[in-house]
Amino acid sequence: MDTAFYIVFVLSVIVVSSITPLMLSRKRFKADWWDHIFPFVGVPVWFSMQAFDLGSRISRSNFIIETFIILIISITVPWLRFAITYMKSKSTPYILFILTLLPAAATIFLRLTMPLLPE
């Protein structure tokens, strides 16, 4: 599979899966521009880290597994935020903030700890 096609596919899946929870939660909280962008942050962070040689070397297996994990996290976080907006707790804004940072933080952790996988 071509790398460019795979990245476009991953970003398309993130778009489709993150729009629905934002639309459903419009009445619960006011979404700003960051709420629309944060699920996509993992992919550019991964490529930035790869460009600066942070983490281990990258094989094709590393690329596929790491981007798949980033995809799963980027799909899950908007739905978790949607579910948490229905919590009636004083800590809800803090939990939402932590979830907003999760795709980037998970990408950094994943890139720094993933060993080189065989082709």
PDB file of N, CA and C in Angstrom:
ATOM      1  N   MET A   1       0.848  -1.167   0.000  1.00  0.00           N
ATOM      2  CA  MET A   1       0.000   0.000   0.000  1.00  0.00           C
ATOM      3  C   MET A   1       0.897   1.235   0.000  1.00  0.00           C
ATOM      4  N   ASP A   2       0.554   2.204  -0.796  1.00  0.00           N
ATOM      5  CA  ASP A   2       1.324   3.426  -0.899  1.00  0.00           C
ATOM      6  C   ASP A   2       1.184   4.238   0.390  1.00  0.00           C
ATOM      7  N   THR A   3       2.280   4.825   0.844  1.00  0.00           N
ATOM      8  CA  THR A   3       2.297   5.572   2.095  1.00  0.00           C
ATOM      9  C   THR A   3       1.364   6.773   2.054  1.00  0.00           C
ATOM     10  N   ALA A   4       1.367   7.522   0.971  1.00  0.00           N
ATOM     11  CA  ALA A   4       0.502   8.700   0.857  1.00  0.00           C
ATOM     12  C   ALA A   4      -0.970   8.292   0.932  1.00  0.00           C
ATOM     13  N   PHE A   5      -1.330   7.221   0.272  1.00  0.00           N
ATOM     14  CA  PHE A   5      -2.712   6.751   0.331  1.00  0.00           C
ATOM     15  C   PHE A   5      -3.082   6.350   1.749  1.00  0.00           C
ATOM     16  N   TYR A   6      -2.167   5.681   2.438  1.00  0.00           N
ATOM     17  CA  TYR A   6      -2.427   5.243   3.814  1.00  0.00           C
ATOM     18  C   TYR A   6      -2.653   6.444   4.730  1.00  0.00           C
ATOM     19  N   ILE A   7      -1.838   7.482   4.593  1.00  0.00           N
ATOM     20  CA  ILE A   7      -1.993   8.673   5.429  1.00  0.00           C
ATOM     21  C   ILE A   7      -3.306   9.374   5.116  1.00  0.00           C
ATOM     22  N   VAL A   8      -3.664   9.503   3.849  1.00  0.00           N
ATOM     23  CA  VAL A   8      -4.946  10.109   3.484  1.00  0.00           C
ATOM     24  C   VAL A   8      -6.101   9.277   4.036  1.00  0.00           C
ATOM     25  N   PHE A   9      -5.977   7.967   3.990  1.00  0.00           N
ATOM     26  CA  PHE A   9      -7.004   7.089   4.539  1.00  0.00           C
ATOM     27  C   PHE A   9      -7.145   7.292   6.047  1.00  0.00           C
ATOM     28  N   VAL A  10      -6.020   7.338   6.760  1.00  0.00           N
ATOM     29  CA  VAL A  10      -6.046   7.526   8.210  1.00  0.00           C
ATOM     30  C   VAL A  10      -6.696   8.865   8.564  1.00  0.00           C
ATOM     31  N   LEU A  11      -6.298   9.922   7.877  1.00  0.00           N
ATOM     32  CA  LEU A  11      -6.879  11.232   8.164  1.00  0.00           C
ATOM     33  C   LEU A  11      -8.364  11.283   7.806  1.00  0.00           C
ATOM     34  N   SER A  12      -8.770  10.605   6.755  1.00  0.00           N
ATOM     35  CA  SER A  12     -10.189  10.566   6.384  1.00  0.00           C
ATOM     36  C   SER A  12     -11.021   9.840   7.433  1.00  0.00           C
ATOM     37  N   VAL A  13     -10.503   8.757   7.953  1.00  0.00           N
ATOM     38  CA  VAL A  13     -11.215   8.029   9.002  1.00  0.00           C
ATOM     39  C   VAL A  13     -11.342   8.893  10.252  1.00  0.00           C
ATOM     40  N   ILE A  14     -10.294   9.633  10.588  1.00  0.00           N
ATOM     41  CA  ILE A  14     -10.355  10.526  11.748  1.00  0.00           C
ATOM     42  C   ILE A  14     -11.409  11.604  11.532  1.00  0.00           C
ATOM     43  N   VAL A  15     -11.477  12.170  10.330  1.00  0.00           N
ATOM     44  CA  VAL A  15     -12.474  13.200  10.037  1.00  0.00           C
ATOM     45  C   VAL A  15     -13.880  12.651  10.213  1.00  0.00           C
ATOM     46  N   VAL A  16     -14.151  11.524   9.606  1.00  0.00           N
ATOM     47  CA  VAL A  16     -15.496  10.950   9.655  1.00  0.00           C
ATOM     48  C   VAL A  16     -15.890  10.592  11.085  1.00  0.00           C
ATOM     49  N   SER A  17     -14.968  10.058  11.844  1.00  0.00           N
ATOM     50  CA  SER A  17     -15.305   9.615  13.191  1.00  0.00           C
ATOM     51  C   SER A  17     -15.334  10.743  14.211  1.00  0.00           C
ATOM     52  N   SER A  18     -14.682  11.858  13.958  1.00  0.00           N
ATOM     53  CA  SER A  18     -14.669  12.930  14.950  1.00  0.00           C
ATOM     54  C   SER A  18     -15.748  13.975  14.732  1.00  0.00           C
ATOM     55  N   ILE A  19     -16.356  14.013  13.575  1.00  0.00           N
ATOM     56  CA  ILE A  19     -17.412  14.995  13.321  1.00  0.00           C
ATOM     57  C   ILE A  19     -18.684  14.645  14.084  1.00  0.00           C
ATOM     58  N   THR A  20     -19.039  13.391  14.130  1.00  0.00           N
ATOM     59  CA  THR A  20     -20.289  12.974  14.773  1.00  0.00           C
ATOM     60  C   THR A  20     -20.360  13.350  16.255  1.00  0.00           C
ATOM     61  N   PRO A  21     -19.351  13.041  17.089  1.00  0.00           N
ATOM     62  CA  PRO A  21     -19.478  13.439  18.491  1.00  0.00           C
ATOM     63  C   PRO A  21     -19.511  14.955  18.688  1.00  0.00           C
ATOM     64  N   LEU A  22     -18.820  15.708  17.819  1.00  0.00           N
ATOM     65  CA  LEU A  22     -18.888  17.163  17.928  1.00  0.00           C
ATOM     66  C   LEU A  22     -20.282  17.679  17.603  1.00  0.00           C
ATOM     67  N   MET A  23     -20.904  17.122  16.596  1.00  0.00           N
ATOM     68  CA  MET A  23     -22.246  17.547  16.235  1.00  0.00           C
ATOM     69  C   MET A  23     -23.263  17.170  17.321  1.00  0.00           C
ATOM     70  N   LEU A  24     -23.081  16.012  17.916  1.00  0.00           N
ATOM     71  CA  LEU A  24     -24.011  15.581  18.960  1.00  0.00           C
ATOM     72  C   LEU A  24     -23.839  16.350  20.264  1.00  0.00           C
ATOM     73  N   SER A  25     -22.664  16.865  20.511  1.00  0.00           N
ATOM     74  CA  SER A  25     -22.414  17.552  21.775  1.00  0.00           C
ATOM     75  C   SER A  25     -22.433  19.075  21.648  1.00  0.00           C
ATOM     76  N   ARG A  26     -22.920  19.600  20.546  1.00  0.00           N
ATOM     77  CA  ARG A  26     -22.972  21.053  20.368  1.00  0.00           C
ATOM     78  C   ARG A  26     -23.796  21.737  21.450  1.00  0.00           C
ATOM     79  N   LYS A  27     -24.837  21.081  21.932  1.00  0.00           N
ATOM     80  CA  LYS A  27     -25.701  21.691  22.941  1.00  0.00           C
ATOM     81  C   LYS A  27     -25.110  21.599  24.340  1.00  0.00           C
ATOM     82  N   ARG A  28     -24.164  20.715  24.542  1.00  0.00           N
ATOM     83  CA  ARG A  28     -23.563  20.530  25.866  1.00  0.00           C
ATOM     84  C   ARG A  28     -22.411  21.492  26.124  1.00  0.00           C
ATOM     85  N   PHE A  29     -21.612  21.793  25.115  1.00  0.00           N
ATOM     86  CA  PHE A  29     -20.519  22.751  25.273  1.00  0.00           C
ATOM     87  C   PHE A  29     -20.241  23.424  23.945  1.00  0.00           C
ATOM     88  N   LYS A  30     -19.664  24.624  24.029  1.00  0.00           N
ATOM     89  CA  LYS A  30     -19.350  25.377  22.830  1.00  0.00           C
ATOM     90  C   LYS A  30     -17.991  24.905  22.297  1.00  0.00           C
ATOM     91  N   ALA A  31     -17.996  24.362  21.114  1.00  0.00           N
ATOM     92  CA  ALA A  31     -16.767  23.860  20.505  1.00  0.00           C
ATOM     93  C   ALA A  31     -16.038  25.004  19.809  1.00  0.00           C
ATOM     94  N   ASP A  32     -14.748  25.103  20.065  1.00  0.00           N
ATOM     95  CA  ASP A  32     -13.942  26.085  19.361  1.00  0.00           C
ATOM     96  C   ASP A  32     -13.101  25.385  18.297  1.00  0.00           C
ATOM     97  N   TRP A  33     -12.196  26.114  17.667  1.00  0.00           N
ATOM     98  CA  TRP A  33     -11.426  25.552  16.559  1.00  0.00           C
ATOM     99  C   TRP A  33     -10.549  24.394  17.013  1.00  0.00           C
ATOM    100  N   TRP A  34     -10.056  24.452  18.253  1.00  0.00           N
ATOM    101  CA  TRP A  34      -9.174  23.390  18.742  1.00  0.00           C
ATOM    102  C   TRP A  34      -9.924  22.065  18.866  1.00  0.00           C
ATOM    103  N   ASP A  35     -11.197  22.106  19.204  1.00  0.00           N
ATOM    104  CA  ASP A  35     -11.985  20.881  19.315  1.00  0.00           C
ATOM    105  C   ASP A  35     -12.118  20.166  17.970  1.00  0.00           C
ATOM    106  N   HIS A  36     -12.005  20.907  16.906  1.00  0.00           N
ATOM    107  CA  HIS A  36     -12.070  20.302  15.571  1.00  0.00           C
ATOM    108  C   HIS A  36     -10.711  19.778  15.104  1.00  0.00           C
ATOM    109  N   ILE A  37      -9.639  20.322  15.659  1.00  0.00           N
ATOM    110  CA  ILE A  37      -8.300  19.997  15.169  1.00  0.00           C
ATOM    111  C   ILE A  37      -7.576  18.949  16.002  1.00  0.00           C
ATOM    112  N   PHE A  38      -7.837  18.873  17.314  1.00  0.00           N
ATOM    113  CA  PHE A  38      -6.995  18.040  18.172  1.00  0.00           C
ATOM    114  C   PHE A  38      -6.928  16.565  17.780  1.00  0.00           C
ATOM    115  N   PRO A  39      -7.960  15.930  17.188  1.00  0.00           N
ATOM    116  CA  PRO A  39      -7.779  14.522  16.813  1.00  0.00           C
ATOM    117  C   PRO A  39      -6.711  14.311  15.736  1.00  0.00           C
ATOM    118  N   PHE A  40      -6.410  15.352  14.963  1.00  0.00           N
ATOM    119  CA  PHE A  40      -5.440  15.224  13.867  1.00  0.00           C
ATOM    120  C   PHE A  40      -4.007  15.462  14.301  1.00  0.00           C
ATOM    121  N   VAL A  41      -3.788  15.918  15.505  1.00  0.00           N
ATOM    122  CA  VAL A  41      -2.464  16.325  15.955  1.00  0.00           C
ATOM    123  C   VAL A  41      -1.474  15.161  15.982  1.00  0.00           C
ATOM    124  N   GLY A  42      -1.940  13.957  16.235  1.00  0.00           N
ATOM    125  CA  GLY A  42      -1.043  12.812  16.350  1.00  0.00           C
ATOM    126  C   GLY A  42      -0.243  12.532  15.093  1.00  0.00           C
ATOM    127  N   VAL A  43      -0.854  12.651  13.943  1.00  0.00           N
ATOM    128  CA  VAL A  43      -0.158  12.335  12.682  1.00  0.00           C
ATOM    129  C   VAL A  43       0.969  13.327  12.391  1.00  0.00           C
ATOM    130  N   PRO A  44       0.738  14.661  12.464  1.00  0.00           N
ATOM    131  CA  PRO A  44       1.869  15.578  12.236  1.00  0.00           C
ATOM    132  C   PRO A  44       2.967  15.460  13.302  1.00  0.00           C
ATOM    133  N   VAL A  45       2.583  15.181  14.543  1.00  0.00           N
ATOM    134  CA  VAL A  45       3.592  14.996  15.592  1.00  0.00           C
ATOM    135  C   VAL A  45       4.451  13.780  15.260  1.00  0.00           C
ATOM    136  N   TRP A  46       3.829  12.710  14.793  1.00  0.00           N
ATOM    137  CA  TRP A  46       4.577  11.501  14.444  1.00  0.00           C
ATOM    138  C   TRP A  46       5.575  11.795  13.329  1.00  0.00           C
ATOM    139  N   PHE A  47       5.126  12.490  12.287  1.00  0.00           N
ATOM    140  CA  PHE A  47       6.021  12.794  11.173  1.00  0.00           C
ATOM    141  C   PHE A  47       7.107  13.779  11.578  1.00  0.00           C
ATOM    142  N   SER A  48       6.802  14.707  12.475  1.00  0.00           N
ATOM    143  CA  SER A  48       7.825  15.634  12.966  1.00  0.00           C
ATOM    144  C   SER A  48       8.892  14.891  13.747  1.00  0.00           C
ATOM    145  N   MET A  49       8.462  13.975  14.599  1.00  0.00           N
ATOM    146  CA  MET A  49       9.428  13.195  15.368  1.00  0.00           C
ATOM    147  C   MET A  49      10.267  12.311  14.450  1.00  0.00           C
ATOM    148  N   GLN A  50       9.656  11.762  13.434  1.00  0.00           N
ATOM    149  CA  GLN A  50      10.382  10.932  12.476  1.00  0.00           C
ATOM    150  C   GLN A  50      11.384  11.781  11.700  1.00  0.00           C
ATOM    151  N   ALA A  51      11.001  13.005  11.342  1.00  0.00           N
ATOM    152  CA  ALA A  51      11.896  13.886  10.589  1.00  0.00           C
ATOM    153  C   ALA A  51      13.116  14.294  11.409  1.00  0.00           C
ATOM    154  N   PHE A  52      12.944  14.447  12.712  1.00  0.00           N
ATOM    155  CA  PHE A  52      14.054  14.828  13.585  1.00  0.00           C
ATOM    156  C   PHE A  52      14.749  13.619  14.210  1.00  0.00           C
ATOM    157  N   ASP A  53      14.456  12.429  13.732  1.00  0.00           N
ATOM    158  CA  ASP A  53      15.066  11.179  14.204  1.00  0.00           C
ATOM    159  C   ASP A  53      14.896  10.960  15.699  1.00  0.00           C
ATOM    160  N   LEU A  54      13.728  11.280  16.217  1.00  0.00           N
ATOM    161  CA  LEU A  54      13.428  11.006  17.618  1.00  0.00           C
ATOM    162  C   LEU A  54      12.777   9.633  17.707  1.00  0.00           C
ATOM    163  N   GLY A  55      13.244   8.819  18.609  1.00  0.00           N
ATOM    164  CA  GLY A  55      12.732   7.463  18.713  1.00  0.00           C
ATOM    165  C   GLY A  55      13.615   6.512  17.917  1.00  0.00           C
ATOM    166  N   SER A  56      13.150   5.282  17.808  1.00  0.00           N
ATOM    167  CA  SER A  56      13.937   4.277  17.103  1.00  0.00           C
ATOM    168  C   SER A  56      13.789   4.437  15.591  1.00  0.00           C
ATOM    169  N   ARG A  57      14.582   3.659  14.864  1.00  0.00           N
ATOM    170  CA  ARG A  57      14.448   3.662  13.412  1.00  0.00           C
ATOM    171  C   ARG A  57      13.056   3.176  13.046  1.00  0.00           C
ATOM    172  N   ILE A  58      12.650   3.440  11.830  1.00  0.00           N
ATOM    173  CA  ILE A  58      11.297   3.111  11.409  1.00  0.00           C
ATOM    174  C   ILE A  58      11.341   2.101  10.278  1.00  0.00           C
ATOM    175  N   SER A  59      10.683   0.988  10.503  1.00  0.00           N
ATOM    176  CA  SER A  59      10.483   0.021   9.428  1.00  0.00           C
ATOM    177  C   SER A  59       9.046   0.189   8.936  1.00  0.00           C
ATOM    178  N   ARG A  60       8.699  -0.520   7.899  1.00  0.00           N
ATOM    179  CA  ARG A  60       7.328  -0.448   7.393  1.00  0.00           C
ATOM    180  C   ARG A  60       6.339  -0.946   8.446  1.00  0.00           C
ATOM    181  N   SER A  61       6.737  -1.952   9.203  1.00  0.00           N
ATOM    182  CA  SER A  61       5.873  -2.471  10.270  1.00  0.00           C
ATOM    183  C   SER A  61       5.669  -1.429  11.358  1.00  0.00           C
ATOM    184  N   ASN A  62       6.741  -0.716  11.725  1.00  0.00           N
ATOM    185  CA  ASN A  62       6.610   0.350  12.704  1.00  0.00           C
ATOM    186  C   ASN A  62       5.626   1.409  12.222  1.00  0.00           C
ATOM    187  N   PHE A  63       5.779   1.804  10.970  1.00  0.00           N
ATOM    188  CA  PHE A  63       4.915   2.835  10.410  1.00  0.00           C
ATOM    189  C   PHE A  63       3.450   2.413  10.485  1.00  0.00           C
ATOM    190  N   ILE A  64       3.153   1.211  10.060  1.00  0.00           N
ATOM    191  CA  ILE A  64       1.767   0.754  10.031  1.00  0.00           C
ATOM    192  C   ILE A  64       1.204   0.605  11.437  1.00  0.00           C
ATOM    193  N   ILE A  65       1.939  -0.005  12.336  1.00  0.00           N
ATOM    194  CA  ILE A  65       1.430  -0.230  13.696  1.00  0.00           C
ATOM    195  C   ILE A  65       1.288   1.082  14.457  1.00  0.00           C
ATOM    196  N   GLU A  66       2.283   1.949  14.367  1.00  0.00           N
ATOM    197  CA  GLU A  66       2.212   3.208  15.103  1.00  0.00           C
ATOM    198  C   GLU A  66       1.090   4.102  14.586  1.00  0.00           C
ATOM    199  N   THR A  67       0.940   4.213  13.275  1.00  0.00           N
ATOM    200  CA  THR A  67      -0.159   5.036  12.759  1.00  0.00           C
ATOM    201  C   THR A  67      -1.514   4.405  13.042  1.00  0.00           C
ATOM    202  N   PHE A  68      -1.593   3.096  13.099  1.00  0.00           N
ATOM    203  CA  PHE A  68      -2.854   2.447  13.455  1.00  0.00           C
ATOM    204  C   PHE A  68      -3.229   2.757  14.908  1.00  0.00           C
ATOM    205  N   ILE A  69      -2.255   2.720  15.798  1.00  0.00           N
ATOM    206  CA  ILE A  69      -2.529   3.046  17.204  1.00  0.00           C
ATOM    207  C   ILE A  69      -2.926   4.513  17.340  1.00  0.00           C
ATOM    208  N   ILE A  70      -2.255   5.392  16.614  1.00  0.00           N
ATOM    209  CA  ILE A  70      -2.622   6.807  16.624  1.00  0.00           C
ATOM    210  C   ILE A  70      -4.034   6.986  16.089  1.00  0.00           C
ATOM    211  N   LEU A  71      -4.380   6.237  15.058  1.00  0.00           N
ATOM    212  CA  LEU A  71      -5.727   6.290  14.504  1.00  0.00           C
ATOM    213  C   LEU A  71      -6.768   5.874  15.539  1.00  0.00           C
ATOM    214  N   ILE A  72      -6.532   4.782  16.240  1.00  0.00           N
ATOM    215  CA  ILE A  72      -7.477   4.303  17.245  1.00  0.00           C
ATOM    216  C   ILE A  72      -7.645   5.335  18.354  1.00  0.00           C
ATOM    217  N   ILE A  73      -6.557   5.915  18.812  1.00  0.00           N
ATOM    218  CA  ILE A  73      -6.638   6.937  19.867  1.00  0.00           C
ATOM    219  C   ILE A  73      -7.385   8.161  19.358  1.00  0.00           C
ATOM    220  N   SER A  74      -7.100   8.583  18.134  1.00  0.00           N
ATOM    221  CA  SER A  74      -7.752   9.766  17.574  1.00  0.00           C
ATOM    222  C   SER A  74      -9.232   9.553  17.318  1.00  0.00           C
ATOM    223  N   ILE A  75      -9.651   8.317  17.112  1.00  0.00           N
ATOM    224  CA  ILE A  75     -11.071   8.013  16.949  1.00  0.00           C
ATOM    225  C   ILE A  75     -11.761   7.943  18.311  1.00  0.00           C
ATOM    226  N   THR A  76     -11.095   7.383  19.290  1.00  0.00           N
ATOM    227  CA  THR A  76     -11.698   7.142  20.599  1.00  0.00           C
ATOM    228  C   THR A  76     -11.862   8.415  21.420  1.00  0.00           C
ATOM    229  N   VAL A  77     -10.895   9.305  21.372  1.00  0.00           N
ATOM    230  CA  VAL A  77     -10.905  10.483  22.238  1.00  0.00           C
ATOM    231  C   VAL A  77     -12.122  11.383  22.014  1.00  0.00           C
ATOM    232  N   PRO A  78     -12.536  11.722  20.778  1.00  0.00           N
ATOM    233  CA  PRO A  78     -13.740  12.551  20.642  1.00  0.00           C
ATOM    234  C   PRO A  78     -14.991  11.886  21.227  1.00  0.00           C
ATOM    235  N   TRP A  79     -15.086  10.573  21.117  1.00  0.00           N
ATOM    236  CA  TRP A  79     -16.236   9.882  21.692  1.00  0.00           C
ATOM    237  C   TRP A  79     -16.172   9.868  23.211  1.00  0.00           C
ATOM    238  N   LEU A  80     -14.985   9.739  23.779  1.00  0.00           N
ATOM    239  CA  LEU A  80     -14.841   9.836  25.232  1.00  0.00           C
ATOM    240  C   LEU A  80     -15.200  11.231  25.712  1.00  0.00           C
ATOM    241  N   ARG A  81     -14.752  12.244  24.988  1.00  0.00           N
ATOM    242  CA  ARG A  81     -15.115  13.621  25.355  1.00  0.00           C
ATOM    243  C   ARG A  81     -16.620  13.811  25.286  1.00  0.00           C
ATOM    244  N   PHE A  82     -17.259  13.239  24.278  1.00  0.00           N
ATOM    245  CA  PHE A  82     -18.710  13.327  24.169  1.00  0.00           C
ATOM    246  C   PHE A  82     -19.388  12.694  25.381  1.00  0.00           C
ATOM    247  N   ALA A  83     -18.921  11.536  25.799  1.00  0.00           N
ATOM    248  CA  ALA A  83     -19.509  10.854  26.960  1.00  0.00           C
ATOM    249  C   ALA A  83     -19.263  11.635  28.250  1.00  0.00           C
ATOM    250  N   ILE A  84     -18.094  12.231  28.372  1.00  0.00           N
ATOM    251  CA  ILE A  84     -17.752  12.948  29.605  1.00  0.00           C
ATOM    252  C   ILE A  84     -18.507  14.264  29.717  1.00  0.00           C
ATOM    253  N   THR A  85     -18.950  14.836  28.608  1.00  0.00           N
ATOM    254  CA  THR A  85     -19.719  16.083  28.700  1.00  0.00           C
ATOM    255  C   THR A  85     -21.027  15.884  29.454  1.00  0.00           C
ATOM    256  N   TYR A  86     -21.482  14.662  29.579  1.00  0.00           N
ATOM    257  CA  TYR A  86     -22.710  14.385  30.319  1.00  0.00           C
ATOM    258  C   TYR A  86     -22.460  14.137  31.804  1.00  0.00           C
ATOM    259  N   MET A  87     -21.204  14.171  32.225  1.00  0.00           N
ATOM    260  CA  MET A  87     -20.900  14.032  33.648  1.00  0.00           C
ATOM    261  C   MET A  87     -21.206  15.349  34.357  1.00  0.00           C
ATOM    262  N   LYS A  88     -21.717  15.232  35.558  1.00  0.00           N
ATOM    263  CA  LYS A  88     -21.971  16.429  36.348  1.00  0.00           C
ATOM    264  C   LYS A  88     -20.963  16.452  37.486  1.00  0.00           C
ATOM    265  N   SER A  89     -19.765  16.878  37.148  1.00  0.00           N
ATOM    266  CA  SER A  89     -18.678  16.901  38.115  1.00  0.00           C
ATOM    267  C   SER A  89     -17.875  18.181  37.924  1.00  0.00           C
ATOM    268  N   LYS A  90     -17.250  18.627  38.992  1.00  0.00           N
ATOM    269  CA  LYS A  90     -16.412  19.811  38.897  1.00  0.00           C
ATOM    270  C   LYS A  90     -15.113  19.524  38.153  1.00  0.00           C
ATOM    271  N   SER A  91     -14.732  18.271  38.076  1.00  0.00           N
ATOM    272  CA  SER A  91     -13.485  17.915  37.395  1.00  0.00           C
ATOM    273  C   SER A  91     -13.665  17.665  35.898  1.00  0.00           C
ATOM    274  N   THR A  92     -14.867  17.801  35.386  1.00  0.00           N
ATOM    275  CA  THR A  92     -15.120  17.545  33.967  1.00  0.00           C
ATOM    276  C   THR A  92     -14.248  18.398  33.042  1.00  0.00           C
ATOM    277  N   PRO A  93     -14.100  19.715  33.271  1.00  0.00           N
ATOM    278  CA  PRO A  93     -13.226  20.489  32.364  1.00  0.00           C
ATOM    279  C   PRO A  93     -11.778  20.011  32.364  1.00  0.00           C
ATOM    280  N   TYR A  94     -11.280  19.563  33.502  1.00  0.00           N
ATOM    281  CA  TYR A  94      -9.908  19.070  33.579  1.00  0.00           C
ATOM    282  C   TYR A  94      -9.756  17.744  32.824  1.00  0.00           C
ATOM    283  N   ILE A  95     -10.744  16.892  32.952  1.00  0.00           N
ATOM    284  CA  ILE A  95     -10.705  15.618  32.232  1.00  0.00           C
ATOM    285  C   ILE A  95     -10.765  15.867  30.724  1.00  0.00           C
ATOM    286  N   LEU A  96     -11.609  16.798  30.306  1.00  0.00           N
ATOM    287  CA  LEU A  96     -11.709  17.130  28.886  1.00  0.00           C
ATOM    288  C   LEU A  96     -10.386  17.699  28.365  1.00  0.00           C
ATOM    289  N   PHE A  97      -9.720  18.514  29.167  1.00  0.00           N
ATOM    290  CA  PHE A  97      -8.430  19.070  28.763  1.00  0.00           C
ATOM    291  C   PHE A  97      -7.384  17.976  28.613  1.00  0.00           C
ATOM    292  N   ILE A  98      -7.346  17.053  29.549  1.00  0.00           N
ATOM    293  CA  ILE A  98      -6.394  15.941  29.474  1.00  0.00           C
ATOM    294  C   ILE A  98      -6.666  15.081  28.249  1.00  0.00           C
ATOM    295  N   LEU A  99      -7.943  14.829  27.962  1.00  0.00           N
ATOM    296  CA  LEU A  99      -8.282  14.038  26.777  1.00  0.00           C
ATOM    297  C   LEU A  99      -7.903  14.766  25.494  1.00  0.00           C
ATOM    298  N   THR A 100      -7.954  16.096  25.523  1.00  0.00           N
ATOM    299  CA  THR A 100      -7.564  16.865  24.355  1.00  0.00           C
ATOM    300  C   THR A 100      -6.084  16.690  24.052  1.00  0.00           C
ATOM    301  N   LEU A 101      -5.270  16.583  25.092  1.00  0.00           N
ATOM    302  CA  LEU A 101      -3.827  16.416  24.908  1.00  0.00           C
ATOM    303  C   LEU A 101      -3.426  14.972  24.628  1.00  0.00           C
ATOM    304  N   LEU A 102      -4.334  14.032  24.825  1.00  0.00           N
ATOM    305  CA  LEU A 102      -4.008  12.615  24.721  1.00  0.00           C
ATOM    306  C   LEU A 102      -3.459  12.180  23.358  1.00  0.00           C
ATOM    307  N   PRO A 103      -4.019  12.588  22.211  1.00  0.00           N
ATOM    308  CA  PRO A 103      -3.439  12.126  20.939  1.00  0.00           C
ATOM    309  C   PRO A 103      -1.974  12.518  20.761  1.00  0.00           C
ATOM    310  N   ALA A 104      -1.624  13.752  21.110  1.00  0.00           N
ATOM    311  CA  ALA A 104      -0.231  14.180  20.963  1.00  0.00           C
ATOM    312  C   ALA A 104       0.665  13.479  21.978  1.00  0.00           C
ATOM    313  N   ALA A 105       0.216  13.383  23.217  1.00  0.00           N
ATOM    314  CA  ALA A 105       1.025  12.741  24.262  1.00  0.00           C
ATOM    315  C   ALA A 105       1.232  11.257  23.966  1.00  0.00           C
ATOM    316  N   ALA A 106       0.183  10.597  23.514  1.00  0.00           N
ATOM    317  CA  ALA A 106       0.296   9.172  23.183  1.00  0.00           C
ATOM    318  C   ALA A 106       1.224   8.961  21.991  1.00  0.00           C
ATOM    319  N   THR A 107       1.188   9.859  21.033  1.00  0.00           N
ATOM    320  CA  THR A 107       2.075   9.756  19.878  1.00  0.00           C
ATOM    321  C   THR A 107       3.530   9.902  20.297  1.00  0.00           C
ATOM    322  N   ILE A 108       3.810  10.873  21.149  1.00  0.00           N
ATOM    323  CA  ILE A 108       5.183  11.075  21.621  1.00  0.00           C
ATOM    324  C   ILE A 108       5.648   9.848  22.407  1.00  0.00           C
ATOM    325  N   PHE A 109       4.811   9.359  23.305  1.00  0.00           N
ATOM    326  CA  PHE A 109       5.168   8.179  24.092  1.00  0.00           C
ATOM    327  C   PHE A 109       5.397   6.967  23.185  1.00  0.00           C
ATOM    328  N   LEU A 110       4.502   6.773  22.237  1.00  0.00           N
ATOM    329  CA  LEU A 110       4.597   5.631  21.328  1.00  0.00           C
ATOM    330  C   LEU A 110       5.865   5.701  20.483  1.00  0.00           C
ATOM    331  N   ARG A 111       6.154   6.865  19.952  1.00  0.00           N
ATOM    332  CA  ARG A 111       7.324   7.025  19.081  1.00  0.00           C
ATOM    333  C   ARG A 111       8.627   6.828  19.843  1.00  0.00           C
ATOM    334  N   LEU A 112       8.651   7.244  21.118  1.00  0.00           N
ATOM    335  CA  LEU A 112       9.885   7.128  21.897  1.00  0.00           C
ATOM    336  C   LEU A 112      10.099   5.728  22.471  1.00  0.00           C
ATOM    337  N   THR A 113       9.042   4.946  22.621  1.00  0.00           N
ATOM    338  CA  THR A 113       9.178   3.634  23.261  1.00  0.00           C
ATOM    339  C   THR A 113       9.059   2.453  22.314  1.00  0.00           C
ATOM    340  N   MET A 114       8.586   2.639  21.119  1.00  0.00           N
ATOM    341  CA  MET A 114       8.396   1.533  20.184  1.00  0.00           C
ATOM    342  C   MET A 114       9.739   1.034  19.660  1.00  0.00           C
ATOM    343  N   PRO A 115      10.019  -0.246  19.844  1.00  0.00           N
ATOM    344  CA  PRO A 115      11.285  -0.780  19.309  1.00  0.00           C
ATOM    345  C   PRO A 115      11.188  -0.960  17.788  1.00  0.00           C
ATOM    346  N   LEU A 116      12.315  -1.159  17.170  1.00  0.00           N
ATOM    347  CA  LEU A 116      12.346  -1.418  15.730  1.00  0.00           C
ATOM    348  C   LEU A 116      11.739  -2.788  15.473  1.00  0.00           C
ATOM    349  N   LEU A 117      10.727  -2.850  14.652  1.00  0.00           N
ATOM    350  CA  LEU A 117      10.059  -4.098  14.318  1.00  0.00           C
ATOM    351  C   LEU A 117      10.595  -4.627  12.990  1.00  0.00           C
ATOM    352  N   PRO A 118      10.618  -5.938  12.814  1.00  0.00           N
ATOM    353  CA  PRO A 118      11.086  -6.480  11.526  1.00  0.00           C
ATOM    354  C   PRO A 118      10.102  -6.182  10.412  1.00  0.00           C
ATOM    355  N   GLU A 119      10.627  -6.128   9.214  1.00  0.00           N
ATOM    356  CA  GLU A 119       9.773  -5.878   8.052  1.00  0.00           C
ATOM    357  C   GLU A 119       8.850  -7.006   7.934  1.00  0.00           C
TER     358      GLU A 119
END
